[in-house]
């Protein structure tokens, strides 16, 4: 029983770019047999070297990559590591300083994940299967936790998604971290391997989430605080313009607001951090 998973895409004959869709279809067909052959090809073998230099009290590093055997990248060259050959060094070697250049620049925040980035991370952490991963992504889109933007299909989190993750993390970080889901997936694999029964795995999973649910219900007020602070306009809250303290995350001054729970909070809109006072 394949559990509804689609069959593997296996090339069965020669494809020509002129047939059925032009160049784009031909490129796609070219990718399919290359990927198929790559899965049954040997691993890539390369040597990565890292040299550390000390100049006065400062440390500098130089890294190099030298290909030994290309393996499957001979068929899928776009995955080939970029070679960067560096000279051979021995411990305590002395190298002359040719030039010193001081450069400046600015850092940029990482971009949002694309669908392919998310699929890669889910596979890396053992979450989902080929059949279920697209369903997971579709669910978070339909529930308005993220929206898909542009041709790159970038996943942009909504206010609901951000508040939900922050709320879960404040109550029980394991709910939003990949380890819990990955553990369940591993337990399911034990059934397929004959090392555990269906009843044992289901009972174990229910016990885990029963305890998590009970703890979550006891701490649900933390979620309510975050949602009210995020979705109530600050101008509609009882606020004061007096500066109180800076946020530990973004280092900006936080808003002092009074919520409906008969307590006050410090809240800042930029990083959605809130602290009950």
C-alpha atoms as a PDB file:
ATOM      1  CA  UNK A   1       0.000   0.000   0.000  1.00  0.00           C
ATOM      2  CA  UNK A   2       1.595   3.280  -1.121  1.00  0.00           C
ATOM      3  CA  UNK A   3      -0.707   5.436   1.020  1.00  0.00           C
ATOM      4  CA  UNK A   4      -1.807   7.425  -2.019  1.00  0.00           C
ATOM      5  CA  UNK A   5       1.727   8.515  -2.927  1.00  0.00           C
ATOM      6  CA  UNK A   6       2.247   9.205  -6.636  1.00  0.00           C
ATOM      7  CA  UNK A   7       4.474   6.801  -8.606  1.00  0.00           C
ATOM      8  CA  UNK A   8       8.057   7.784  -9.323  1.00  0.00           C
ATOM      9  CA  UNK A   9       8.718   9.744 -12.515  1.00  0.00           C
ATOM     10  CA  UNK A  10      10.940   7.443 -14.556  1.00  0.00           C
ATOM     11  CA  UNK A  11      12.204   8.339 -18.057  1.00  0.00           C
ATOM     12  CA  UNK A  12      11.149   5.760 -20.647  1.00  0.00           C
ATOM     13  CA  UNK A  13      12.480   7.075 -23.936  1.00  0.00           C
ATOM     14  CA  UNK A  14      14.334   9.794 -25.816  1.00  0.00           C
ATOM     15  CA  UNK A  15      12.823  13.272 -25.615  1.00  0.00           C
ATOM     16  CA  UNK A  16      13.285  16.047 -28.137  1.00  0.00           C
ATOM     17  CA  UNK A  17      12.921  19.743 -27.427  1.00  0.00           C
ATOM     18  CA  UNK A  18      10.833  20.183 -30.569  1.00  0.00           C
ATOM     19  CA  UNK A  19       8.130  17.814 -29.369  1.00  0.00           C
ATOM     20  CA  UNK A  20       5.240  18.785 -27.134  1.00  0.00           C
ATOM     21  CA  UNK A  21       5.946  22.214 -25.673  1.00  0.00           C
ATOM     22  CA  UNK A  22       9.172  23.438 -27.231  1.00  0.00           C
ATOM     23  CA  UNK A  23      12.365  24.326 -25.391  1.00  0.00           C
ATOM     24  CA  UNK A  24      10.811  24.586 -21.911  1.00  0.00           C
ATOM     25  CA  UNK A  25       9.293  21.102 -22.116  1.00  0.00           C
ATOM     26  CA  UNK A  26      12.556  19.737 -23.535  1.00  0.00           C
ATOM     27  CA  UNK A  27      14.542  21.244 -20.662  1.00  0.00           C
ATOM     28  CA  UNK A  28      12.130  19.729 -18.172  1.00  0.00           C
ATOM     29  CA  UNK A  29      12.454  16.293 -19.774  1.00  0.00           C
ATOM     30  CA  UNK A  30      16.238  16.699 -19.783  1.00  0.00           C
ATOM     31  CA  UNK A  31      16.126  17.400 -16.029  1.00  0.00           C
ATOM     32  CA  UNK A  32      14.013  14.311 -15.265  1.00  0.00           C
ATOM     33  CA  UNK A  33      16.449  11.648 -16.603  1.00  0.00           C
ATOM     34  CA  UNK A  34      19.411  13.569 -15.168  1.00  0.00           C
ATOM     35  CA  UNK A  35      17.784  13.552 -11.743  1.00  0.00           C
ATOM     36  CA  UNK A  36      16.898   9.865 -12.134  1.00  0.00           C
ATOM     37  CA  UNK A  37      20.463   8.938 -13.083  1.00  0.00           C
ATOM     38  CA  UNK A  38      21.809  11.161 -10.311  1.00  0.00           C
ATOM     39  CA  UNK A  39      19.900   9.150  -7.673  1.00  0.00           C
ATOM     40  CA  UNK A  40      21.737   5.964  -8.679  1.00  0.00           C
ATOM     41  CA  UNK A  41      25.152   7.592  -9.172  1.00  0.00           C
ATOM     42  CA  UNK A  42      28.029   7.625  -6.635  1.00  0.00           C
ATOM     43  CA  UNK A  43      28.493  10.394  -4.079  1.00  0.00           C
ATOM     44  CA  UNK A  44      30.567  13.497  -4.678  1.00  0.00           C
ATOM     45  CA  UNK A  45      34.010  13.340  -3.072  1.00  0.00           C
ATOM     46  CA  UNK A  46      35.903  16.575  -2.459  1.00  0.00           C
ATOM     47  CA  UNK A  47      38.526  17.870  -0.072  1.00  0.00           C
ATOM     48  CA  UNK A  48      37.796  21.019   1.917  1.00  0.00           C
ATOM     49  CA  UNK A  49      40.740  22.804   3.512  1.00  0.00           C
ATOM     50  CA  UNK A  50      40.618  25.638   6.040  1.00  0.00           C
ATOM     51  CA  UNK A  51      43.759  27.559   7.003  1.00  0.00           C
ATOM     52  CA  UNK A  52      43.866  29.934   9.984  1.00  0.00           C
ATOM     53  CA  UNK A  53      46.336  32.840  10.111  1.00  0.00           C
ATOM     54  CA  UNK A  54      47.249  35.068  13.029  1.00  0.00           C
ATOM     55  CA  UNK A  55      48.318  38.669  12.387  1.00  0.00           C
ATOM     56  CA  UNK A  56      49.151  40.344  15.681  1.00  0.00           C
ATOM     57  CA  UNK A  57      46.053  39.668  17.808  1.00  0.00           C
ATOM     58  CA  UNK A  58      43.675  39.186  14.847  1.00  0.00           C
ATOM     59  CA  UNK A  59      42.738  35.845  13.284  1.00  0.00           C
ATOM     60  CA  UNK A  60      41.893  35.294   9.622  1.00  0.00           C
ATOM     61  CA  UNK A  61      40.777  32.187   7.726  1.00  0.00           C
ATOM     62  CA  UNK A  62      41.147  30.967   4.155  1.00  0.00           C
ATOM     63  CA  UNK A  63      39.058  28.083   2.798  1.00  0.00           C
ATOM     64  CA  UNK A  64      39.557  26.013  -0.307  1.00  0.00           C
ATOM     65  CA  UNK A  65      37.730  23.192  -2.072  1.00  0.00           C
ATOM     66  CA  UNK A  66      39.379  20.613  -4.341  1.00  0.00           C
ATOM     67  CA  UNK A  67      37.296  18.105  -6.282  1.00  0.00           C
ATOM     68  CA  UNK A  68      38.412  14.459  -6.060  1.00  0.00           C
ATOM     69  CA  UNK A  69      35.520  12.599  -7.723  1.00  0.00           C
ATOM     70  CA  UNK A  70      32.541  14.450  -9.234  1.00  0.00           C
ATOM     71  CA  UNK A  71      30.095  11.576  -8.617  1.00  0.00           C
ATOM     72  CA  UNK A  72      26.506  12.447  -9.497  1.00  0.00           C
ATOM     73  CA  UNK A  73      27.465  16.076 -10.280  1.00  0.00           C
ATOM     74  CA  UNK A  74      28.963  14.833 -13.554  1.00  0.00           C
ATOM     75  CA  UNK A  75      25.321  14.342 -14.588  1.00  0.00           C
ATOM     76  CA  UNK A  76      23.882  17.258 -12.552  1.00  0.00           C
ATOM     77  CA  UNK A  77      26.618  19.903 -12.945  1.00  0.00           C
ATOM     78  CA  UNK A  78      24.561  22.701 -11.335  1.00  0.00           C
ATOM     79  CA  UNK A  79      25.026  20.915  -7.968  1.00  0.00           C
ATOM     80  CA  UNK A  80      28.793  20.694  -8.299  1.00  0.00           C
ATOM     81  CA  UNK A  81      30.685  22.448  -5.462  1.00  0.00           C
ATOM     82  CA  UNK A  82      32.681  25.430  -6.666  1.00  0.00           C
ATOM     83  CA  UNK A  83      36.369  24.612  -6.671  1.00  0.00           C
ATOM     84  CA  UNK A  84      38.741  27.052  -5.030  1.00  0.00           C
ATOM     85  CA  UNK A  85      42.318  25.823  -4.894  1.00  0.00           C
ATOM     86  CA  UNK A  86      44.569  27.294  -2.204  1.00  0.00           C
ATOM     87  CA  UNK A  87      48.307  26.719  -1.648  1.00  0.00           C
ATOM     88  CA  UNK A  88      49.468  23.943   0.662  1.00  0.00           C
ATOM     89  CA  UNK A  89      50.338  25.084   4.162  1.00  0.00           C
ATOM     90  CA  UNK A  90      52.059  23.469   7.105  1.00  0.00           C
ATOM     91  CA  UNK A  91      51.560  24.272  10.770  1.00  0.00           C
ATOM     92  CA  UNK A  92      53.565  27.348  11.882  1.00  0.00           C
ATOM     93  CA  UNK A  93      54.292  28.416   8.299  1.00  0.00           C
ATOM     94  CA  UNK A  94      55.008  32.131   7.953  1.00  0.00           C
ATOM     95  CA  UNK A  95      53.527  34.019   5.004  1.00  0.00           C
ATOM     96  CA  UNK A  96      54.424  37.584   3.980  1.00  0.00           C
ATOM     97  CA  UNK A  97      51.679  40.221   4.141  1.00  0.00           C
ATOM     98  CA  UNK A  98      51.319  41.600   0.616  1.00  0.00           C
ATOM     99  CA  UNK A  99      48.531  44.116   1.258  1.00  0.00           C
ATOM    100  CA  UNK A 100      45.987  45.150   3.884  1.00  0.00           C
ATOM    101  CA  UNK A 101      42.550  46.317   2.751  1.00  0.00           C
ATOM    102  CA  UNK A 102      39.817  47.500   5.101  1.00  0.00           C
ATOM    103  CA  UNK A 103      36.380  47.136   3.577  1.00  0.00           C
ATOM    104  CA  UNK A 104      32.995  48.205   4.866  1.00  0.00           C
ATOM    105  CA  UNK A 105      29.508  47.035   4.053  1.00  0.00           C
ATOM    106  CA  UNK A 106      26.070  46.393   5.442  1.00  0.00           C
ATOM    107  CA  UNK A 107      24.311  43.170   6.253  1.00  0.00           C
ATOM    108  CA  UNK A 108      20.884  42.332   4.861  1.00  0.00           C
ATOM    109  CA  UNK A 109      18.238  40.182   6.532  1.00  0.00           C
ATOM    110  CA  UNK A 110      17.687  36.771   4.925  1.00  0.00           C
ATOM    111  CA  UNK A 111      14.945  36.607   2.330  1.00  0.00           C
ATOM    112  CA  UNK A 112      11.719  34.707   2.893  1.00  0.00           C
ATOM    113  CA  UNK A 113      11.741  31.003   2.097  1.00  0.00           C
ATOM    114  CA  UNK A 114      10.492  29.818  -1.253  1.00  0.00           C
ATOM    115  CA  UNK A 115       8.389  26.679  -1.598  1.00  0.00           C
ATOM    116  CA  UNK A 116      11.443  24.742  -2.765  1.00  0.00           C
ATOM    117  CA  UNK A 117      13.463  26.033   0.232  1.00  0.00           C
ATOM    118  CA  UNK A 118      10.746  24.871   2.612  1.00  0.00           C
ATOM    119  CA  UNK A 119      10.516  21.445   0.949  1.00  0.00           C
ATOM    120  CA  UNK A 120      14.301  21.052   1.250  1.00  0.00           C
ATOM    121  CA  UNK A 121      14.201  21.914   4.973  1.00  0.00           C
ATOM    122  CA  UNK A 122      11.266  19.556   5.611  1.00  0.00           C
ATOM    123  CA  UNK A 123      13.153  16.721   3.915  1.00  0.00           C
ATOM    124  CA  UNK A 124      16.305  17.587   5.887  1.00  0.00           C
ATOM    125  CA  UNK A 125      14.458  17.372   9.219  1.00  0.00           C
ATOM    126  CA  UNK A 126      12.475  14.272   8.256  1.00  0.00           C
ATOM    127  CA  UNK A 127       9.068  15.976   8.172  1.00  0.00           C
ATOM    128  CA  UNK A 128       6.472  14.607   5.779  1.00  0.00           C
ATOM    129  CA  UNK A 129       6.701  12.413   2.691  1.00  0.00           C
ATOM    130  CA  UNK A 130       6.699  13.114  -1.031  1.00  0.00           C
ATOM    131  CA  UNK A 131       2.897  12.805  -0.930  1.00  0.00           C
ATOM    132  CA  UNK A 132       2.219  14.787   2.285  1.00  0.00           C
ATOM    133  CA  UNK A 133       4.679  17.702   2.018  1.00  0.00           C
ATOM    134  CA  UNK A 134       2.634  19.556  -0.675  1.00  0.00           C
ATOM    135  CA  UNK A 135      -0.480  19.065   1.475  1.00  0.00           C
ATOM    136  CA  UNK A 136       1.253  20.641   4.494  1.00  0.00           C
ATOM    137  CA  UNK A 137       2.218  23.689   2.423  1.00  0.00           C
ATOM    138  CA  UNK A 138      -1.274  23.963   0.976  1.00  0.00           C
ATOM    139  CA  UNK A 139      -2.770  23.851   4.483  1.00  0.00           C
ATOM    140  CA  UNK A 140      -0.700  26.747   5.856  1.00  0.00           C
ATOM    141  CA  UNK A 141      -1.685  28.786   2.782  1.00  0.00           C
ATOM    142  CA  UNK A 142      -5.402  28.004   3.076  1.00  0.00           C
ATOM    143  CA  UNK A 143      -5.358  28.819   6.805  1.00  0.00           C
ATOM    144  CA  UNK A 144      -3.827  32.232   6.033  1.00  0.00           C
ATOM    145  CA  UNK A 145      -0.612  31.568   7.952  1.00  0.00           C
ATOM    146  CA  UNK A 146       1.460  32.466   4.864  1.00  0.00           C
ATOM    147  CA  UNK A 147       0.792  33.816   1.396  1.00  0.00           C
ATOM    148  CA  UNK A 148       2.620  32.900  -1.808  1.00  0.00           C
ATOM    149  CA  UNK A 149       4.158  35.824  -3.703  1.00  0.00           C
ATOM    150  CA  UNK A 150       5.668  36.194  -7.166  1.00  0.00           C
ATOM    151  CA  UNK A 151       7.077  33.795  -9.698  1.00  0.00           C
ATOM    152  CA  UNK A 152       9.651  32.542  -7.171  1.00  0.00           C
ATOM    153  CA  UNK A 153       6.663  31.483  -5.004  1.00  0.00           C
ATOM    154  CA  UNK A 154       8.044  33.105  -1.882  1.00  0.00           C
ATOM    155  CA  UNK A 155       6.222  32.212   1.334  1.00  0.00           C
ATOM    156  CA  UNK A 156       5.507  35.451   3.226  1.00  0.00           C
ATOM    157  CA  UNK A 157       4.133  34.945   6.770  1.00  0.00           C
ATOM    158  CA  UNK A 158       0.957  36.830   7.682  1.00  0.00           C
ATOM    159  CA  UNK A 159       0.254  38.559  10.996  1.00  0.00           C
ATOM    160  CA  UNK A 160      -1.823  35.550  12.000  1.00  0.00           C
ATOM    161  CA  UNK A 161       1.031  33.149  11.244  1.00  0.00           C
ATOM    162  CA  UNK A 162       3.640  35.270  13.022  1.00  0.00           C
ATOM    163  CA  UNK A 163       1.477  35.731  16.126  1.00  0.00           C
ATOM    164  CA  UNK A 164       0.606  32.036  16.197  1.00  0.00           C
ATOM    165  CA  UNK A 165       4.244  30.926  16.017  1.00  0.00           C
ATOM    166  CA  UNK A 166       5.330  33.455  18.655  1.00  0.00           C
ATOM    167  CA  UNK A 167       2.467  32.347  20.896  1.00  0.00           C
ATOM    168  CA  UNK A 168       3.287  28.662  20.509  1.00  0.00           C
ATOM    169  CA  UNK A 169       6.951  29.383  21.148  1.00  0.00           C
ATOM    170  CA  UNK A 170       6.204  31.314  24.356  1.00  0.00           C
ATOM    171  CA  UNK A 171       4.115  28.408  25.702  1.00  0.00           C
ATOM    172  CA  UNK A 172       5.844  25.295  24.346  1.00  0.00           C
ATOM    173  CA  UNK A 173       8.723  25.772  21.860  1.00  0.00           C
ATOM    174  CA  UNK A 174       8.635  22.081  20.882  1.00  0.00           C
ATOM    175  CA  UNK A 175       5.304  22.649  19.124  1.00  0.00           C
ATOM    176  CA  UNK A 176       6.899  24.866  16.469  1.00  0.00           C
ATOM    177  CA  UNK A 177      10.354  23.277  16.348  1.00  0.00           C
ATOM    178  CA  UNK A 178      10.829  20.412  13.857  1.00  0.00           C
ATOM    179  CA  UNK A 179      11.977  17.790  16.380  1.00  0.00           C
ATOM    180  CA  UNK A 180       8.514  16.795  17.624  1.00  0.00           C
ATOM    181  CA  UNK A 181       7.069  16.200  14.154  1.00  0.00           C
ATOM    182  CA  UNK A 182      10.253  14.468  13.000  1.00  0.00           C
ATOM    183  CA  UNK A 183      10.037  12.105  15.991  1.00  0.00           C
ATOM    184  CA  UNK A 184       6.488  11.128  15.011  1.00  0.00           C
ATOM    185  CA  UNK A 185       7.643  10.472  11.437  1.00  0.00           C
ATOM    186  CA  UNK A 186      10.470   8.249  12.734  1.00  0.00           C
ATOM    187  CA  UNK A 187       8.012   6.314  14.874  1.00  0.00           C
ATOM    188  CA  UNK A 188       5.824   5.744  11.815  1.00  0.00           C
ATOM    189  CA  UNK A 189       8.833   4.360   9.979  1.00  0.00           C
ATOM    190  CA  UNK A 190       9.273   1.867  12.806  1.00  0.00           C
ATOM    191  CA  UNK A 191       5.881   0.412  11.854  1.00  0.00           C
ATOM    192  CA  UNK A 192       7.032  -0.058   8.264  1.00  0.00           C
ATOM    193  CA  UNK A 193      10.225  -1.715   9.507  1.00  0.00           C
ATOM    194  CA  UNK A 194       8.289  -4.082  11.770  1.00  0.00           C
ATOM    195  CA  UNK A 195       9.976  -2.714  14.916  1.00  0.00           C
ATOM    196  CA  UNK A 196       6.777  -1.284  16.445  1.00  0.00           C
ATOM    197  CA  UNK A 197       3.054  -1.885  16.129  1.00  0.00           C
ATOM    198  CA  UNK A 198       0.462   0.592  14.948  1.00  0.00           C
ATOM    199  CA  UNK A 199      -1.202   0.600  18.368  1.00  0.00           C
ATOM    200  CA  UNK A 200       2.078   1.337  20.189  1.00  0.00           C
ATOM    201  CA  UNK A 201       2.950   4.279  17.965  1.00  0.00           C
ATOM    202  CA  UNK A 202      -0.554   5.779  18.135  1.00  0.00           C
ATOM    203  CA  UNK A 203      -0.696   5.390  21.919  1.00  0.00           C
ATOM    204  CA  UNK A 204       2.728   6.995  22.342  1.00  0.00           C
ATOM    205  CA  UNK A 205       1.843   9.937  20.075  1.00  0.00           C
ATOM    206  CA  UNK A 206      -1.490  10.515  21.823  1.00  0.00           C
ATOM    207  CA  UNK A 207       0.219  10.572  25.217  1.00  0.00           C
ATOM    208  CA  UNK A 208       2.756  13.147  24.024  1.00  0.00           C
ATOM    209  CA  UNK A 209       0.158  15.501  22.579  1.00  0.00           C
ATOM    210  CA  UNK A 210      -2.265  14.968  25.470  1.00  0.00           C
ATOM    211  CA  UNK A 211       0.317  16.311  27.921  1.00  0.00           C
ATOM    212  CA  UNK A 212       1.203  19.148  25.562  1.00  0.00           C
ATOM    213  CA  UNK A 213      -2.468  20.068  25.127  1.00  0.00           C
ATOM    214  CA  UNK A 214      -3.122  20.117  28.871  1.00  0.00           C
ATOM    215  CA  UNK A 215      -0.066  22.320  29.476  1.00  0.00           C
ATOM    216  CA  UNK A 216      -1.050  24.589  26.572  1.00  0.00           C
ATOM    217  CA  UNK A 217      -4.566  25.107  27.963  1.00  0.00           C
ATOM    218  CA  UNK A 218      -3.126  26.157  31.336  1.00  0.00           C
ATOM    219  CA  UNK A 219      -0.919  28.766  29.650  1.00  0.00           C
ATOM    220  CA  UNK A 220      -3.379  29.910  26.940  1.00  0.00           C
ATOM    221  CA  UNK A 221      -3.448  33.449  28.357  1.00  0.00           C
ATOM    222  CA  UNK A 222       0.037  33.969  26.903  1.00  0.00           C
ATOM    223  CA  UNK A 223      -1.372  33.354  23.431  1.00  0.00           C
ATOM    224  CA  UNK A 224      -4.326  35.698  24.078  1.00  0.00           C
ATOM    225  CA  UNK A 225      -1.992  38.482  25.188  1.00  0.00           C
ATOM    226  CA  UNK A 226       0.074  38.254  22.025  1.00  0.00           C
ATOM    227  CA  UNK A 227      -2.933  38.151  19.684  1.00  0.00           C
ATOM    228  CA  UNK A 228      -4.635  41.104  21.362  1.00  0.00           C
ATOM    229  CA  UNK A 229      -1.461  43.151  21.261  1.00  0.00           C
ATOM    230  CA  UNK A 230      -0.916  42.245  17.600  1.00  0.00           C
ATOM    231  CA  UNK A 231      -4.443  42.735  16.253  1.00  0.00           C
ATOM    232  CA  UNK A 232      -5.744  45.604  18.388  1.00  0.00           C
ATOM    233  CA  UNK A 233      -4.708  48.999  17.070  1.00  0.00           C
ATOM    234  CA  UNK A 234      -2.365  50.656  19.520  1.00  0.00           C
ATOM    235  CA  UNK A 235      -4.399  53.897  19.323  1.00  0.00           C
ATOM    236  CA  UNK A 236      -7.428  51.979  20.684  1.00  0.00           C
ATOM    237  CA  UNK A 237      -5.499  50.773  23.722  1.00  0.00           C
ATOM    238  CA  UNK A 238      -4.820  52.612  26.909  1.00  0.00           C
ATOM    239  CA  UNK A 239      -1.287  53.815  26.300  1.00  0.00           C
ATOM    240  CA  UNK A 240       1.162  56.330  27.665  1.00  0.00           C
ATOM    241  CA  UNK A 241       3.779  58.244  25.717  1.00  0.00           C
ATOM    242  CA  UNK A 242       6.290  57.974  28.527  1.00  0.00           C
ATOM    243  CA  UNK A 243       9.287  55.911  27.477  1.00  0.00           C
ATOM    244  CA  UNK A 244       9.699  52.856  29.690  1.00  0.00           C
ATOM    245  CA  UNK A 245      12.380  50.442  28.503  1.00  0.00           C
ATOM    246  CA  UNK A 246      14.005  49.106  25.347  1.00  0.00           C
ATOM    247  CA  UNK A 247      13.120  45.809  23.693  1.00  0.00           C
ATOM    248  CA  UNK A 248      15.793  43.154  24.200  1.00  0.00           C
ATOM    249  CA  UNK A 249      15.452  42.032  20.569  1.00  0.00           C
ATOM    250  CA  UNK A 250      15.272  45.184  18.444  1.00  0.00           C
ATOM    251  CA  UNK A 251      16.624  47.694  20.989  1.00  0.00           C
ATOM    252  CA  UNK A 252      13.752  50.138  20.384  1.00  0.00           C
ATOM    253  CA  UNK A 253      11.564  51.636  23.092  1.00  0.00           C
ATOM    254  CA  UNK A 254       8.437  49.577  23.821  1.00  0.00           C
ATOM    255  CA  UNK A 255       4.829  50.760  24.111  1.00  0.00           C
ATOM    256  CA  UNK A 256       3.192  50.672  27.536  1.00  0.00           C
ATOM    257  CA  UNK A 257      -0.358  49.367  27.035  1.00  0.00           C
ATOM    258  CA  UNK A 258      -3.245  48.181  29.165  1.00  0.00           C
ATOM    259  CA  UNK A 259      -5.051  45.072  27.934  1.00  0.00           C
ATOM    260  CA  UNK A 260      -8.388  43.500  28.865  1.00  0.00           C
ATOM    261  CA  UNK A 261      -6.812  40.977  31.189  1.00  0.00           C
ATOM    262  CA  UNK A 262      -6.533  43.578  33.989  1.00  0.00           C
ATOM    263  CA  UNK A 263      -2.797  43.820  33.653  1.00  0.00           C
ATOM    264  CA  UNK A 264      -0.433  45.937  31.602  1.00  0.00           C
ATOM    265  CA  UNK A 265       2.116  44.956  28.987  1.00  0.00           C
ATOM    266  CA  UNK A 266       5.140  46.348  27.242  1.00  0.00           C
ATOM    267  CA  UNK A 267       4.769  45.789  23.507  1.00  0.00           C
ATOM    268  CA  UNK A 268       6.680  46.801  20.408  1.00  0.00           C
ATOM    269  CA  UNK A 269       5.217  46.530  16.915  1.00  0.00           C
ATOM    270  CA  UNK A 270       8.434  45.977  14.932  1.00  0.00           C
ATOM    271  CA  UNK A 271       9.416  42.617  16.447  1.00  0.00           C
ATOM    272  CA  UNK A 272       6.030  41.709  18.100  1.00  0.00           C
ATOM    273  CA  UNK A 273       7.739  41.195  21.442  1.00  0.00           C
ATOM    274  CA  UNK A 274       5.521  41.601  24.500  1.00  0.00           C
ATOM    275  CA  UNK A 275       6.273  41.438  28.209  1.00  0.00           C
ATOM    276  CA  UNK A 276       3.639  41.297  30.959  1.00  0.00           C
ATOM    277  CA  UNK A 277       4.348  43.732  33.803  1.00  0.00           C
END
